[in-house]
Structures are given as structure tokens and as C-alpha cells.
Amino acid sequence: ELSHYSNATTDIEYLFPFGWGVLWGIADRTDFDLKQHMEHSGVSLEYADPDTNEKLIPYCIEPSLGADRAALAFLCDAYDEEKLENETRTVLHLSPVLAPFKAAVLPLQKQLADKAREVYDMLLPDYMVDFDVTGSIGKRYRRQDEIGTPFCVTIDFDTLEDNTVTIRDRDTMGQIRVDISRVGEFLAEKVKF
């Protein structure tokens, strides 16, 4: 059903887990708003076509988009529960562009925390990064998966020998070794918009 001022209305909908919901409503309000303004203000809002000199009152288009609805759609779309052999892995597959944390820096063991803190401090000026030393490395990976962190940078005992770290990809769980000096460059390539 159209409002009295609308010539047409279109809704862009998303199928949420709880059913269809409007993400974006777009209404063609015709010239109703400007005519009302002209009537009550006494100011002409007509436009004169420069070629024909025809006087027109522009139409207004009203988009209605809520950030909360869009954010909920992103979260619903990204949420996944993967069945593994003996457990369920909960993952928030957010685009690296949207992920709040771009990476987490994780020392394999607590005695590697100082070196891990150096890597964290190096990345912090350019990226939102998390630092976590609590629990086993597997549990820390899972926590980062659940909050959508796309990459985990693990500092292990090899790091002390060769100045490389392991970078784990959230979506594939694949791991690569990268020189510490290239971690920022790696993230820049992966999280660019």
C-alpha cells in the first residue's frame, strides 16, 4: 500500500534466519515535498529548463536505509558453523575489509610474549590487531575465528632463529611462513578496499 505522497515504492529485502526483512526502502515521493514547501514558505522551487524555458518542480526520491539492518545482514551472511570430526567450528567469514581486527598476534607460548609484543607494536599503527596469550594456540585460533579475525600471526621458537612468523588464514586454515619485515605488506595486500 502506497503512502498518499508516493507514486511508487520499492523495497530491497534480505532473507534473515528469522525471515525476510527490508534492508532498503526507496520511495518516489513525486513533487509532493517541494510543492508543500513552496505552499508554506512562499518560495518558488521551480526549475526552468534552459533550452525550453519550461518550468518544472523536481521529484524527490526517498531512500531509507538503516545501518543496523545492513550490519545484521553482514553478520548473518558471514556466520557459519563448520562440522569437524569431533567438534563444530564457529566462524565469522567477514570480508577482511569489514573485520574489526585485521589480525591477531599470538605467541605460541607465554615465554615468546615479548617477541610477539614487538610484532604487535609494529602492526598497531596501521591495523587494528588483537594480542592474545591466554589458552592453547588452538583455542586462541578458534576465538579469533569466532570474531571474524581474518589472519593470525603466530610467533614460535623458529621466529627467534629466523625472524619469520606463521600467518594462518581464517577461512582456509592454511598457514604460511613470512618474514617479520613483510607482515605489514602481507596484511596491506589482503585487507585493501
N, C-alpha and C. Protein backbone atom coordinates (compact mmCIF):
# COMPACT_ATOMS: atom_id res chain seq x y z
N GLU A 1 0.85 -1.18 0.00
CA GLU A 1 0.00 0.00 0.00
C GLU A 1 0.89 1.24 0.00
N LEU A 2 0.61 2.16 -0.91
CA LEU A 2 1.41 3.37 -1.04
C LEU A 2 0.94 4.47 -0.11
N SER A 3 1.88 5.27 0.33
CA SER A 3 1.54 6.48 1.08
C SER A 3 0.91 7.47 0.12
N HIS A 4 0.17 8.45 0.65
CA HIS A 4 -0.53 9.40 -0.20
C HIS A 4 0.41 10.23 -1.06
N TYR A 5 1.65 10.40 -0.62
CA TYR A 5 2.60 11.24 -1.35
C TYR A 5 3.46 10.44 -2.33
N SER A 6 3.33 9.12 -2.33
CA SER A 6 4.24 8.28 -3.10
C SER A 6 3.62 7.80 -4.40
N ASN A 7 4.41 7.86 -5.45
CA ASN A 7 3.99 7.35 -6.76
C ASN A 7 4.38 5.88 -6.90
N ALA A 8 5.47 5.50 -6.25
CA ALA A 8 5.96 4.12 -6.30
C ALA A 8 6.92 3.90 -5.14
N THR A 9 6.96 2.68 -4.66
CA THR A 9 7.88 2.31 -3.59
C THR A 9 8.49 0.96 -3.92
N THR A 10 9.78 0.85 -3.68
CA THR A 10 10.48 -0.42 -3.90
C THR A 10 11.26 -0.76 -2.64
N ASP A 11 11.21 -2.02 -2.26
CA ASP A 11 11.97 -2.49 -1.11
C ASP A 11 13.02 -3.48 -1.57
N ILE A 12 14.21 -3.34 -1.03
CA ILE A 12 15.26 -4.33 -1.24
C ILE A 12 15.29 -5.14 0.04
N GLU A 13 15.07 -6.45 -0.10
CA GLU A 13 14.93 -7.31 1.07
C GLU A 13 16.07 -8.31 1.17
N TYR A 14 16.25 -8.82 2.37
CA TYR A 14 17.27 -9.82 2.66
C TYR A 14 16.59 -10.95 3.43
N LEU A 15 16.98 -12.18 3.13
CA LEU A 15 16.43 -13.33 3.85
C LEU A 15 17.28 -13.59 5.09
N PHE A 16 16.82 -13.04 6.22
CA PHE A 16 17.47 -13.27 7.51
C PHE A 16 17.11 -14.67 8.00
N PRO A 17 17.81 -15.20 8.99
CA PRO A 17 17.44 -16.51 9.54
C PRO A 17 16.01 -16.54 10.09
N PHE A 18 15.48 -15.41 10.48
CA PHE A 18 14.14 -15.33 11.04
C PHE A 18 13.09 -14.92 10.01
N GLY A 19 13.48 -14.80 8.74
CA GLY A 19 12.54 -14.45 7.67
C GLY A 19 13.00 -13.23 6.88
N TRP A 20 12.21 -12.88 5.88
CA TRP A 20 12.54 -11.74 5.02
C TRP A 20 12.40 -10.44 5.79
N GLY A 21 13.32 -9.51 5.53
CA GLY A 21 13.27 -8.19 6.15
C GLY A 21 13.75 -7.15 5.17
N VAL A 22 13.23 -5.94 5.30
CA VAL A 22 13.60 -4.84 4.40
C VAL A 22 14.97 -4.30 4.80
N LEU A 23 15.88 -4.26 3.83
CA LEU A 23 17.18 -3.62 4.04
C LEU A 23 17.12 -2.16 3.63
N TRP A 24 16.42 -1.89 2.55
CA TRP A 24 16.43 -0.56 1.96
C TRP A 24 15.08 -0.32 1.31
N GLY A 25 14.43 0.75 1.71
CA GLY A 25 13.19 1.17 1.07
C GLY A 25 13.45 2.40 0.22
N ILE A 26 12.89 2.44 -0.97
CA ILE A 26 13.08 3.57 -1.87
C ILE A 26 11.70 4.04 -2.32
N ALA A 27 11.37 5.29 -2.03
CA ALA A 27 10.05 5.84 -2.37
C ALA A 27 10.19 6.98 -3.37
N ASP A 28 9.37 6.96 -4.39
CA ASP A 28 9.25 8.08 -5.35
C ASP A 28 8.19 9.00 -4.76
N ARG A 29 8.62 10.08 -4.13
CA ARG A 29 7.71 10.99 -3.44
C ARG A 29 7.13 12.05 -4.38
N THR A 30 7.37 11.90 -5.66
CA THR A 30 6.91 12.85 -6.69
C THR A 30 7.35 14.26 -6.31
N ASP A 31 6.53 15.25 -6.65
CA ASP A 31 6.86 16.64 -6.31
C ASP A 31 6.14 17.09 -5.04
N PHE A 32 5.61 16.14 -4.30
CA PHE A 32 4.82 16.44 -3.10
C PHE A 32 5.59 17.31 -2.10
N ASP A 33 6.81 16.92 -1.76
CA ASP A 33 7.57 17.65 -0.73
C ASP A 33 7.86 19.09 -1.15
N LEU A 34 8.32 19.27 -2.38
CA LEU A 34 8.67 20.62 -2.81
C LEU A 34 7.42 21.50 -2.96
N LYS A 35 6.32 20.91 -3.42
CA LYS A 35 5.07 21.69 -3.50
C LYS A 35 4.62 22.13 -2.11
N GLN A 36 4.72 21.24 -1.13
CA GLN A 36 4.35 21.58 0.24
C GLN A 36 5.24 22.70 0.77
N HIS A 37 6.52 22.61 0.49
CA HIS A 37 7.46 23.63 0.95
C HIS A 37 7.14 24.98 0.28
N MET A 38 6.86 24.93 -1.01
CA MET A 38 6.53 26.17 -1.74
C MET A 38 5.27 26.80 -1.16
N GLU A 39 4.27 25.96 -0.89
CA GLU A 39 2.99 26.47 -0.38
C GLU A 39 3.17 27.13 0.99
N HIS A 40 3.94 26.54 1.85
CA HIS A 40 4.07 27.05 3.22
C HIS A 40 5.16 28.11 3.38
N SER A 41 6.14 28.14 2.49
CA SER A 41 7.21 29.13 2.62
C SER A 41 7.03 30.32 1.69
N GLY A 42 6.25 30.12 0.65
CA GLY A 42 6.09 31.18 -0.34
C GLY A 42 7.28 31.33 -1.26
N VAL A 43 8.22 30.39 -1.20
CA VAL A 43 9.42 30.43 -2.04
C VAL A 43 9.25 29.45 -3.20
N SER A 44 9.52 29.93 -4.40
CA SER A 44 9.42 29.05 -5.57
C SER A 44 10.62 28.13 -5.65
N LEU A 45 10.34 26.87 -5.85
CA LEU A 45 11.39 25.87 -6.03
C LEU A 45 11.33 25.26 -7.42
N GLU A 46 10.74 26.00 -8.33
CA GLU A 46 10.63 25.52 -9.71
C GLU A 46 11.99 25.61 -10.40
N TYR A 47 12.15 24.74 -11.37
CA TYR A 47 13.37 24.71 -12.17
C TYR A 47 12.96 25.08 -13.59
N ALA A 48 13.71 25.98 -14.20
CA ALA A 48 13.43 26.37 -15.59
C ALA A 48 14.43 25.66 -16.50
N ASP A 49 13.90 24.85 -17.41
CA ASP A 49 14.75 24.17 -18.39
C ASP A 49 15.44 25.22 -19.25
N PRO A 50 16.79 25.20 -19.34
CA PRO A 50 17.50 26.25 -20.08
C PRO A 50 17.22 26.23 -21.59
N ASP A 51 16.82 25.09 -22.13
CA ASP A 51 16.55 25.01 -23.57
C ASP A 51 15.12 25.40 -23.92
N THR A 52 14.17 24.93 -23.13
CA THR A 52 12.75 25.16 -23.47
C THR A 52 12.10 26.22 -22.58
N ASN A 53 12.79 26.60 -21.51
CA ASN A 53 12.26 27.54 -20.52
C ASN A 53 11.01 26.99 -19.81
N GLU A 54 10.75 25.70 -19.97
CA GLU A 54 9.62 25.06 -19.29
C GLU A 54 9.92 25.01 -17.80
N LYS A 55 8.93 25.34 -16.96
CA LYS A 55 9.10 25.33 -15.51
C LYS A 55 8.67 23.96 -14.97
N LEU A 56 9.56 23.41 -14.16
CA LEU A 56 9.33 22.09 -13.59
C LEU A 56 9.55 22.13 -12.08
N ILE A 57 8.85 21.26 -11.38
CA ILE A 57 9.11 21.06 -9.96
C ILE A 57 9.74 19.68 -9.84
N PRO A 58 11.00 19.62 -9.38
CA PRO A 58 11.70 18.33 -9.32
C PRO A 58 11.00 17.34 -8.38
N TYR A 59 11.15 16.08 -8.72
CA TYR A 59 10.66 14.99 -7.87
C TYR A 59 11.73 14.66 -6.83
N CYS A 60 11.28 14.12 -5.72
CA CYS A 60 12.20 13.68 -4.67
C CYS A 60 12.16 12.16 -4.56
N ILE A 61 13.32 11.59 -4.41
CA ILE A 61 13.43 10.16 -4.15
C ILE A 61 13.89 10.02 -2.70
N GLU A 62 13.17 9.17 -1.96
CA GLU A 62 13.49 8.99 -0.54
C GLU A 62 14.05 7.59 -0.30
N PRO A 63 15.36 7.49 -0.11
CA PRO A 63 15.91 6.19 0.28
C PRO A 63 15.87 6.07 1.80
N SER A 64 15.57 4.89 2.28
CA SER A 64 15.56 4.64 3.71
C SER A 64 16.39 3.39 3.97
N LEU A 65 17.56 3.61 4.55
CA LEU A 65 18.49 2.52 4.80
C LEU A 65 19.00 2.63 6.22
N GLY A 66 18.90 1.56 6.96
CA GLY A 66 19.39 1.57 8.33
C GLY A 66 20.72 0.85 8.44
N ALA A 67 21.67 1.46 9.11
CA ALA A 67 22.97 0.82 9.31
C ALA A 67 22.83 -0.45 10.14
N ASP A 68 21.88 -0.46 11.08
CA ASP A 68 21.70 -1.65 11.90
C ASP A 68 21.23 -2.83 11.07
N ARG A 69 20.33 -2.61 10.12
CA ARG A 69 19.85 -3.69 9.27
C ARG A 69 20.95 -4.22 8.37
N ALA A 70 21.75 -3.31 7.82
CA ALA A 70 22.86 -3.72 6.95
C ALA A 70 23.90 -4.51 7.75
N ALA A 71 24.23 -4.03 8.94
CA ALA A 71 25.21 -4.73 9.78
C ALA A 71 24.70 -6.12 10.15
N LEU A 72 23.42 -6.24 10.47
CA LEU A 72 22.85 -7.54 10.79
C LEU A 72 22.91 -8.47 9.59
N ALA A 73 22.66 -7.95 8.39
CA ALA A 73 22.75 -8.77 7.18
C ALA A 73 24.19 -9.25 6.96
N PHE A 74 25.17 -8.36 7.15
CA PHE A 74 26.58 -8.76 7.01
C PHE A 74 26.91 -9.89 7.99
N LEU A 75 26.47 -9.73 9.24
CA LEU A 75 26.77 -10.73 10.26
C LEU A 75 26.09 -12.07 9.96
N CYS A 76 24.82 -12.01 9.56
CA CYS A 76 24.09 -13.24 9.23
C CYS A 76 24.73 -13.95 8.05
N ASP A 77 25.14 -13.19 7.06
CA ASP A 77 25.75 -13.77 5.87
C ASP A 77 27.12 -14.38 6.18
N ALA A 78 27.85 -13.78 7.11
CA ALA A 78 29.21 -14.23 7.42
C ALA A 78 29.24 -15.40 8.40
N TYR A 79 28.20 -15.57 9.20
CA TYR A 79 28.20 -16.58 10.26
C TYR A 79 28.13 -17.99 9.68
N ASP A 80 28.98 -18.86 10.21
CA ASP A 80 29.00 -20.24 9.72
C ASP A 80 29.38 -21.16 10.87
N GLU A 81 28.80 -22.34 10.85
CA GLU A 81 29.19 -23.40 11.78
C GLU A 81 29.66 -24.57 10.94
N GLU A 82 30.95 -24.85 10.99
CA GLU A 82 31.53 -25.94 10.21
C GLU A 82 31.64 -27.18 11.08
N LYS A 83 31.11 -28.28 10.58
CA LYS A 83 31.19 -29.55 11.30
C LYS A 83 32.55 -30.19 11.05
N LEU A 84 33.31 -30.37 12.11
CA LEU A 84 34.59 -31.05 12.02
C LEU A 84 34.42 -32.45 12.62
N GLU A 85 35.49 -33.19 12.71
CA GLU A 85 35.41 -34.58 13.15
C GLU A 85 34.74 -34.72 14.52
N ASN A 86 35.22 -33.97 15.51
CA ASN A 86 34.69 -34.12 16.87
C ASN A 86 34.13 -32.82 17.45
N GLU A 87 33.98 -31.81 16.61
CA GLU A 87 33.53 -30.52 17.12
C GLU A 87 32.89 -29.70 16.01
N THR A 88 32.34 -28.59 16.42
CA THR A 88 31.80 -27.61 15.47
C THR A 88 32.66 -26.37 15.56
N ARG A 89 33.13 -25.91 14.42
CA ARG A 89 33.96 -24.70 14.35
C ARG A 89 33.06 -23.54 13.95
N THR A 90 32.92 -22.57 14.84
CA THR A 90 32.14 -21.37 14.55
C THR A 90 33.05 -20.33 13.93
N VAL A 91 32.65 -19.83 12.76
CA VAL A 91 33.49 -18.88 12.03
C VAL A 91 32.63 -17.71 11.55
N LEU A 92 33.17 -16.53 11.69
CA LEU A 92 32.54 -15.33 11.14
C LEU A 92 33.37 -14.94 9.92
N HIS A 93 32.90 -15.33 8.73
CA HIS A 93 33.63 -15.12 7.47
C HIS A 93 33.44 -13.69 6.97
N LEU A 94 33.74 -12.72 7.80
CA LEU A 94 33.65 -11.33 7.35
C LEU A 94 34.74 -11.04 6.33
N SER A 95 34.42 -10.21 5.36
CA SER A 95 35.45 -9.72 4.46
C SER A 95 36.54 -9.07 5.30
N PRO A 96 37.81 -9.27 4.95
CA PRO A 96 38.87 -8.60 5.71
C PRO A 96 38.69 -7.09 5.79
N VAL A 97 38.02 -6.50 4.81
CA VAL A 97 37.76 -5.06 4.84
C VAL A 97 36.82 -4.71 5.99
N LEU A 98 35.84 -5.57 6.26
CA LEU A 98 34.85 -5.30 7.32
C LEU A 98 35.27 -5.81 8.70
N ALA A 99 36.18 -6.75 8.75
CA ALA A 99 36.57 -7.34 10.03
C ALA A 99 37.13 -6.28 10.97
N PRO A 100 36.64 -6.23 12.22
CA PRO A 100 37.16 -5.24 13.16
C PRO A 100 38.66 -5.39 13.40
N PHE A 101 39.10 -6.60 13.69
CA PHE A 101 40.53 -6.88 13.81
C PHE A 101 41.01 -7.45 12.49
N LYS A 102 42.08 -6.91 11.96
CA LYS A 102 42.65 -7.42 10.71
C LYS A 102 43.53 -8.63 10.97
N ALA A 103 44.12 -8.68 12.15
CA ALA A 103 44.98 -9.80 12.53
C ALA A 103 45.04 -9.89 14.04
N ALA A 104 45.44 -11.07 14.50
CA ALA A 104 45.73 -11.28 15.92
C ALA A 104 47.17 -11.77 16.01
N VAL A 105 47.90 -11.25 16.97
CA VAL A 105 49.27 -11.69 17.20
C VAL A 105 49.25 -12.64 18.39
N LEU A 106 49.74 -13.86 18.15
CA LEU A 106 49.63 -14.92 19.15
C LEU A 106 50.99 -15.57 19.39
N PRO A 107 51.57 -15.40 20.57
CA PRO A 107 52.78 -16.16 20.87
C PRO A 107 52.40 -17.62 21.11
N LEU A 108 53.19 -18.54 20.55
CA LEU A 108 52.89 -19.97 20.72
C LEU A 108 52.87 -20.34 22.20
N GLN A 109 53.81 -19.78 22.94
CA GLN A 109 53.87 -19.99 24.39
C GLN A 109 54.15 -18.66 25.06
N LYS A 110 53.83 -18.59 26.35
CA LYS A 110 53.95 -17.31 27.06
C LYS A 110 55.36 -16.74 27.07
N GLN A 111 56.38 -17.59 27.06
CA GLN A 111 57.75 -17.07 27.08
C GLN A 111 58.13 -16.38 25.77
N LEU A 112 57.28 -16.48 24.75
CA LEU A 112 57.51 -15.78 23.48
C LEU A 112 56.73 -14.46 23.41
N ALA A 113 56.10 -14.09 24.51
CA ALA A 113 55.23 -12.91 24.52
C ALA A 113 55.98 -11.61 24.21
N ASP A 114 57.22 -11.49 24.65
CA ASP A 114 57.96 -10.24 24.38
C ASP A 114 58.19 -10.05 22.88
N LYS A 115 58.60 -11.11 22.20
CA LYS A 115 58.81 -11.03 20.74
C LYS A 115 57.47 -10.78 20.05
N ALA A 116 56.42 -11.43 20.53
CA ALA A 116 55.09 -11.23 19.95
C ALA A 116 54.63 -9.79 20.14
N ARG A 117 54.94 -9.23 21.30
CA ARG A 117 54.57 -7.83 21.57
C ARG A 117 55.29 -6.89 20.60
N GLU A 118 56.52 -7.20 20.22
CA GLU A 118 57.23 -6.38 19.23
C GLU A 118 56.49 -6.38 17.89
N VAL A 119 56.04 -7.56 17.47
CA VAL A 119 55.30 -7.66 16.20
C VAL A 119 53.98 -6.91 16.32
N TYR A 120 53.30 -7.08 17.42
CA TYR A 120 52.04 -6.37 17.68
C TYR A 120 52.25 -4.86 17.60
N ASP A 121 53.28 -4.36 18.29
CA ASP A 121 53.57 -2.92 18.30
C ASP A 121 53.92 -2.41 16.91
N MET A 122 54.56 -3.25 16.10
CA MET A 122 54.92 -2.88 14.73
C MET A 122 53.66 -2.72 13.86
N LEU A 123 52.67 -3.58 14.07
CA LEU A 123 51.45 -3.57 13.24
C LEU A 123 50.42 -2.55 13.72
N LEU A 124 50.41 -2.26 15.00
CA LEU A 124 49.37 -1.44 15.60
C LEU A 124 49.18 -0.05 14.99
N PRO A 125 50.22 0.65 14.56
CA PRO A 125 49.98 1.97 13.96
C PRO A 125 49.15 1.94 12.67
N ASP A 126 49.17 0.80 11.97
CA ASP A 126 48.49 0.71 10.68
C ASP A 126 47.25 -0.17 10.67
N TYR A 127 47.09 -1.03 11.66
CA TYR A 127 45.99 -2.00 11.64
C TYR A 127 45.40 -2.17 13.04
N MET A 128 44.12 -2.51 13.07
CA MET A 128 43.51 -2.95 14.32
C MET A 128 43.95 -4.40 14.49
N VAL A 129 44.72 -4.66 15.52
CA VAL A 129 45.21 -6.01 15.79
C VAL A 129 44.92 -6.38 17.24
N ASP A 130 44.74 -7.66 17.45
CA ASP A 130 44.50 -8.19 18.78
C ASP A 130 45.77 -8.89 19.26
N PHE A 131 45.91 -9.00 20.56
CA PHE A 131 47.04 -9.70 21.16
C PHE A 131 46.46 -10.65 22.19
N ASP A 132 46.79 -11.93 22.09
CA ASP A 132 46.18 -12.92 22.98
C ASP A 132 47.23 -13.95 23.40
N VAL A 133 47.38 -14.14 24.70
CA VAL A 133 48.33 -15.12 25.24
C VAL A 133 47.62 -16.19 26.07
N THR A 134 46.30 -16.12 26.16
CA THR A 134 45.56 -16.98 27.09
C THR A 134 45.04 -18.25 26.41
N GLY A 135 45.42 -19.41 26.97
CA GLY A 135 44.93 -20.69 26.46
C GLY A 135 45.84 -21.28 25.40
N SER A 136 45.46 -22.46 24.93
CA SER A 136 46.25 -23.13 23.90
C SER A 136 46.13 -22.37 22.59
N ILE A 137 47.08 -22.60 21.70
CA ILE A 137 47.06 -21.90 20.41
C ILE A 137 45.80 -22.28 19.62
N GLY A 138 45.37 -23.52 19.72
CA GLY A 138 44.15 -23.95 19.03
C GLY A 138 42.92 -23.19 19.51
N LYS A 139 42.81 -23.02 20.82
CA LYS A 139 41.68 -22.27 21.38
C LYS A 139 41.73 -20.80 20.99
N ARG A 140 42.93 -20.26 20.92
CA ARG A 140 43.07 -18.86 20.50
C ARG A 140 42.69 -18.69 19.03
N TYR A 141 43.10 -19.66 18.19
CA TYR A 141 42.67 -19.62 16.79
C TYR A 141 41.14 -19.63 16.70
N ARG A 142 40.51 -20.50 17.47
CA ARG A 142 39.04 -20.61 17.44
C ARG A 142 38.37 -19.31 17.90
N ARG A 143 38.91 -18.69 18.93
CA ARG A 143 38.33 -17.42 19.40
C ARG A 143 38.42 -16.36 18.30
N GLN A 144 39.55 -16.32 17.62
CA GLN A 144 39.70 -15.34 16.54
C GLN A 144 38.78 -15.67 15.37
N ASP A 145 38.60 -16.95 15.06
CA ASP A 145 37.66 -17.36 14.01
C ASP A 145 36.25 -16.87 14.34
N GLU A 146 35.86 -17.00 15.60
CA GLU A 146 34.51 -16.63 16.03
C GLU A 146 34.24 -15.13 15.91
N ILE A 147 35.26 -14.30 16.07
CA ILE A 147 35.04 -12.85 15.97
C ILE A 147 35.39 -12.29 14.60
N GLY A 148 35.77 -13.18 13.67
CA GLY A 148 35.97 -12.76 12.29
C GLY A 148 37.35 -12.26 11.94
N THR A 149 38.34 -12.45 12.80
CA THR A 149 39.70 -12.00 12.50
C THR A 149 40.25 -12.83 11.34
N PRO A 150 40.58 -12.20 10.21
CA PRO A 150 40.97 -12.99 9.03
C PRO A 150 42.34 -13.66 9.11
N PHE A 151 43.27 -13.10 9.91
CA PHE A 151 44.62 -13.66 9.96
C PHE A 151 45.15 -13.70 11.38
N CYS A 152 45.83 -14.80 11.70
CA CYS A 152 46.53 -14.91 12.97
C CYS A 152 48.02 -15.00 12.68
N VAL A 153 48.79 -14.17 13.37
CA VAL A 153 50.24 -14.14 13.23
C VAL A 153 50.82 -14.83 14.46
N THR A 154 51.40 -16.00 14.25
CA THR A 154 51.90 -16.79 15.37
C THR A 154 53.42 -16.68 15.47
N ILE A 155 53.85 -16.33 16.68
CA ILE A 155 55.28 -16.25 16.98
C ILE A 155 55.65 -17.56 17.68
N ASP A 156 56.59 -18.29 17.08
CA ASP A 156 57.02 -19.57 17.66
C ASP A 156 58.53 -19.54 17.89
N PHE A 157 59.09 -20.67 18.28
CA PHE A 157 60.52 -20.69 18.59
C PHE A 157 61.38 -20.50 17.34
N ASP A 158 60.88 -20.88 16.17
CA ASP A 158 61.61 -20.62 14.93
C ASP A 158 61.75 -19.12 14.68
N THR A 159 60.78 -18.35 15.14
CA THR A 159 60.82 -16.89 14.96
C THR A 159 62.11 -16.32 15.56
N LEU A 160 62.51 -16.85 16.71
CA LEU A 160 63.72 -16.35 17.37
C LEU A 160 64.98 -16.67 16.56
N GLU A 161 64.91 -17.74 15.75
CA GLU A 161 66.07 -18.16 14.95
C GLU A 161 66.13 -17.47 13.59
N ASP A 162 64.97 -17.38 12.90
CA ASP A 162 65.00 -16.91 11.51
C ASP A 162 64.17 -15.65 11.25
N ASN A 163 63.59 -15.08 12.31
CA ASN A 163 62.82 -13.84 12.19
C ASN A 163 61.60 -13.98 11.26
N THR A 164 61.01 -15.18 11.23
CA THR A 164 59.79 -15.40 10.46
C THR A 164 58.66 -15.76 11.42
N VAL A 165 57.44 -15.57 10.95
CA VAL A 165 56.24 -15.91 11.72
C VAL A 165 55.35 -16.78 10.84
N THR A 166 54.41 -17.44 11.48
CA THR A 166 53.40 -18.20 10.75
C THR A 166 52.15 -17.35 10.66
N ILE A 167 51.63 -17.19 9.45
CA ILE A 167 50.35 -16.48 9.27
C ILE A 167 49.31 -17.51 8.89
N ARG A 168 48.25 -17.58 9.69
CA ARG A 168 47.16 -18.53 9.47
C ARG A 168 45.97 -17.80 8.90
N ASP A 169 45.41 -18.34 7.83
CA ASP A 169 44.21 -17.79 7.19
C ASP A 169 42.97 -18.37 7.86
N ARG A 170 42.06 -17.52 8.30
CA ARG A 170 40.84 -17.93 8.98
C ARG A 170 39.99 -18.86 8.13
N ASP A 171 39.81 -18.53 6.85
CA ASP A 171 38.86 -19.26 6.02
C ASP A 171 39.39 -20.61 5.54
N THR A 172 40.67 -20.68 5.21
CA THR A 172 41.23 -21.93 4.71
C THR A 172 41.96 -22.72 5.79
N MET A 173 42.30 -22.07 6.88
CA MET A 173 43.14 -22.61 7.95
C MET A 173 44.54 -22.94 7.45
N GLY A 174 44.86 -22.51 6.22
CA GLY A 174 46.20 -22.69 5.69
C GLY A 174 47.19 -21.78 6.39
N GLN A 175 48.45 -22.19 6.39
CA GLN A 175 49.49 -21.42 7.08
C GLN A 175 50.68 -21.23 6.15
N ILE A 176 51.27 -20.04 6.25
CA ILE A 176 52.50 -19.75 5.51
C ILE A 176 53.49 -19.07 6.45
N ARG A 177 54.77 -19.19 6.10
CA ARG A 177 55.82 -18.50 6.86
C ARG A 177 56.15 -17.21 6.13
N VAL A 178 56.27 -16.13 6.91
CA VAL A 178 56.55 -14.81 6.34
C VAL A 178 57.59 -14.14 7.23
N ASP A 179 58.53 -13.46 6.61
CA ASP A 179 59.50 -12.68 7.37
C ASP A 179 58.76 -11.57 8.12
N ILE A 180 59.17 -11.30 9.33
CA ILE A 180 58.50 -10.28 10.15
C ILE A 180 58.45 -8.94 9.41
N SER A 181 59.49 -8.62 8.68
CA SER A 181 59.52 -7.33 7.97
C SER A 181 58.47 -7.24 6.87
N ARG A 182 57.87 -8.38 6.47
CA ARG A 182 56.88 -8.38 5.39
C ARG A 182 55.44 -8.59 5.88
N VAL A 183 55.24 -8.72 7.17
CA VAL A 183 53.89 -8.97 7.69
C VAL A 183 52.96 -7.80 7.38
N GLY A 184 53.42 -6.58 7.59
CA GLY A 184 52.60 -5.40 7.28
C GLY A 184 52.23 -5.35 5.81
N GLU A 185 53.19 -5.65 4.94
CA GLU A 185 52.94 -5.67 3.49
C GLU A 185 51.92 -6.76 3.14
N PHE A 186 52.05 -7.92 3.77
CA PHE A 186 51.10 -9.01 3.56
C PHE A 186 49.68 -8.57 3.91
N LEU A 187 49.53 -7.97 5.10
CA LEU A 187 48.20 -7.52 5.53
C LEU A 187 47.66 -6.43 4.61
N ALA A 188 48.52 -5.51 4.20
CA ALA A 188 48.08 -4.42 3.32
C ALA A 188 47.46 -4.98 2.05
N GLU A 189 48.08 -6.01 1.49
CA GLU A 189 47.57 -6.62 0.26
C GLU A 189 46.24 -7.33 0.50
N LYS A 190 46.11 -7.97 1.64
CA LYS A 190 44.92 -8.78 1.93
C LYS A 190 43.71 -7.97 2.39
N VAL A 191 43.94 -6.83 3.03
CA VAL A 191 42.81 -6.10 3.62
C VAL A 191 42.48 -4.81 2.88
N LYS A 192 43.12 -4.59 1.72
CA LYS A 192 42.84 -3.35 1.00
C LYS A 192 41.41 -3.34 0.48
N PHE A 193 40.88 -2.15 0.35
CA PHE A 193 39.48 -1.96 -0.05
C PHE A 193 39.39 -1.83 -1.54
